[in-house]
Amino acid sequence: MSRHPSYGKSSKSAKKRNVLKRFERVDVLRRLGKWKDGENVKVTNLPKTPNSF
């Protein structure tokens, strides 16, 4: 018995996401030089970051 095509493939989960998680945004801000450890303690109200990193 075979699987129905609507179930999709297992590689479907590796699709590029449009939204970054908080820790990913902090990593991007570190690379851009806008996040310094110790100064920015809050994780809320983070500035928007490009998704291309």
N, C-alpha and C. Protein backbone atom coordinates (compact mmCIF):
# COMPACT_ATOMS: atom_id res chain seq x y z
N MET A 1 0.84 -1.18 0.00
CA MET A 1 0.00 0.00 0.00
C MET A 1 0.89 1.24 0.00
N SER A 2 0.57 2.21 -0.82
CA SER A 2 1.39 3.40 -0.91
C SER A 2 0.74 4.58 -0.20
N ARG A 3 1.55 5.58 0.06
CA ARG A 3 1.05 6.78 0.74
C ARG A 3 0.38 7.71 -0.27
N HIS A 4 -0.61 8.42 0.19
CA HIS A 4 -1.30 9.38 -0.66
C HIS A 4 -0.38 10.59 -0.88
N PRO A 5 -0.36 11.17 -2.11
CA PRO A 5 0.54 12.30 -2.39
C PRO A 5 0.29 13.54 -1.54
N SER A 6 -0.90 13.66 -0.96
CA SER A 6 -1.20 14.85 -0.17
C SER A 6 -0.43 14.88 1.15
N TYR A 7 0.14 13.73 1.56
CA TYR A 7 0.92 13.70 2.78
C TYR A 7 2.26 14.41 2.61
N GLY A 8 2.71 14.61 1.41
CA GLY A 8 3.95 15.32 1.15
C GLY A 8 5.17 14.49 1.42
N LYS A 9 6.30 15.11 1.28
CA LYS A 9 7.58 14.43 1.47
C LYS A 9 8.17 14.82 2.81
N SER A 10 9.13 14.05 3.26
CA SER A 10 9.76 14.34 4.54
C SER A 10 10.64 15.59 4.47
N SER A 11 11.09 15.98 3.30
CA SER A 11 11.93 17.17 3.17
C SER A 11 11.09 18.45 3.24
N LYS A 12 9.80 18.30 3.34
CA LYS A 12 8.93 19.46 3.43
C LYS A 12 9.19 20.26 4.70
N SER A 13 9.61 19.60 5.76
CA SER A 13 9.87 20.28 7.02
C SER A 13 11.13 21.14 6.96
N ALA A 14 11.99 20.94 5.98
CA ALA A 14 13.22 21.71 5.85
C ALA A 14 13.00 22.99 5.06
N LYS A 15 11.76 23.37 4.87
CA LYS A 15 11.42 24.57 4.12
C LYS A 15 11.90 25.82 4.87
N LYS A 16 12.33 26.84 4.13
CA LYS A 16 12.81 28.07 4.75
C LYS A 16 11.66 28.79 5.43
N ARG A 17 11.89 29.17 6.67
CA ARG A 17 10.86 29.87 7.43
C ARG A 17 10.95 31.37 7.18
N ASN A 18 9.84 32.05 7.32
CA ASN A 18 9.80 33.50 7.12
C ASN A 18 10.05 34.27 8.42
N VAL A 19 9.89 33.61 9.55
CA VAL A 19 9.99 34.29 10.83
C VAL A 19 11.12 33.66 11.63
N LEU A 20 11.96 34.52 12.24
CA LEU A 20 13.05 34.04 13.06
C LEU A 20 12.59 33.93 14.51
N LYS A 21 13.17 33.00 15.23
CA LYS A 21 12.90 32.90 16.66
C LYS A 21 13.76 33.92 17.38
N ARG A 22 13.48 34.17 18.65
CA ARG A 22 14.20 35.21 19.38
C ARG A 22 15.70 34.96 19.42
N PHE A 23 16.12 33.73 19.71
CA PHE A 23 17.56 33.47 19.79
C PHE A 23 18.22 33.64 18.43
N GLU A 24 17.50 33.38 17.35
CA GLU A 24 18.06 33.58 16.01
C GLU A 24 18.18 35.08 15.71
N ARG A 25 17.21 35.86 16.16
CA ARG A 25 17.30 37.31 15.96
C ARG A 25 18.45 37.91 16.74
N VAL A 26 18.70 37.41 17.96
CA VAL A 26 19.82 37.90 18.75
C VAL A 26 21.13 37.56 18.04
N ASP A 27 21.22 36.37 17.47
CA ASP A 27 22.43 36.00 16.72
C ASP A 27 22.66 36.93 15.54
N VAL A 28 21.59 37.27 14.82
CA VAL A 28 21.71 38.18 13.69
C VAL A 28 22.14 39.56 14.16
N LEU A 29 21.56 40.03 15.27
CA LEU A 29 21.94 41.34 15.81
C LEU A 29 23.40 41.35 16.26
N ARG A 30 23.88 40.23 16.80
CA ARG A 30 25.30 40.14 17.17
C ARG A 30 26.19 40.28 15.95
N ARG A 31 25.81 39.59 14.86
CA ARG A 31 26.62 39.67 13.63
C ARG A 31 26.63 41.08 13.06
N LEU A 32 25.51 41.79 13.21
CA LEU A 32 25.43 43.16 12.70
C LEU A 32 26.07 44.16 13.64
N GLY A 33 26.45 43.74 14.85
CA GLY A 33 27.07 44.63 15.82
C GLY A 33 26.09 45.48 16.59
N LYS A 34 24.82 45.12 16.58
CA LYS A 34 23.80 45.90 17.29
C LYS A 34 23.43 45.29 18.63
N TRP A 35 24.03 44.17 18.98
CA TRP A 35 23.72 43.50 20.25
C TRP A 35 25.01 43.30 21.00
N LYS A 36 25.07 43.85 22.21
CA LYS A 36 26.24 43.66 23.05
C LYS A 36 25.81 42.90 24.29
N ASP A 37 26.51 41.83 24.61
CA ASP A 37 26.17 41.03 25.79
C ASP A 37 26.31 41.86 27.05
N GLY A 38 25.34 41.75 27.93
CA GLY A 38 25.39 42.49 29.18
C GLY A 38 24.58 43.77 29.14
N GLU A 39 24.60 44.48 28.02
CA GLU A 39 23.85 45.72 27.90
C GLU A 39 22.37 45.44 27.65
N ASN A 40 22.10 44.66 26.63
CA ASN A 40 20.72 44.38 26.24
C ASN A 40 20.26 43.11 26.93
N VAL A 41 19.54 43.28 28.01
CA VAL A 41 19.09 42.12 28.76
C VAL A 41 17.70 41.71 28.32
N LYS A 42 16.88 42.66 27.90
CA LYS A 42 15.53 42.34 27.48
C LYS A 42 15.54 41.64 26.13
N VAL A 43 14.64 40.71 26.00
CA VAL A 43 14.53 40.00 24.73
C VAL A 43 13.24 40.42 24.02
N THR A 44 12.44 41.23 24.68
CA THR A 44 11.22 41.73 24.05
C THR A 44 11.54 43.02 23.30
N ASN A 45 10.71 43.36 22.36
CA ASN A 45 10.86 44.59 21.55
C ASN A 45 12.18 44.64 20.81
N LEU A 46 12.60 43.51 20.25
CA LEU A 46 13.82 43.48 19.47
C LEU A 46 13.59 44.19 18.14
N PRO A 47 14.61 44.87 17.61
CA PRO A 47 14.45 45.49 16.30
C PRO A 47 14.30 44.45 15.21
N LYS A 48 13.70 44.85 14.11
CA LYS A 48 13.53 43.93 12.99
C LYS A 48 14.90 43.65 12.37
N THR A 49 15.06 42.43 11.88
CA THR A 49 16.32 42.02 11.28
C THR A 49 16.07 41.40 9.92
N PRO A 50 17.05 41.48 9.03
CA PRO A 50 16.89 40.79 7.74
C PRO A 50 16.92 39.29 7.93
N ASN A 51 16.19 38.59 7.11
CA ASN A 51 16.07 37.14 7.22
C ASN A 51 17.15 36.41 6.44
N SER A 52 18.02 37.12 5.77
CA SER A 52 18.95 36.49 4.85
C SER A 52 20.20 35.91 5.52
N PHE A 53 20.30 35.96 6.82
CA PHE A 53 21.49 35.44 7.49
C PHE A 53 21.36 33.99 7.68
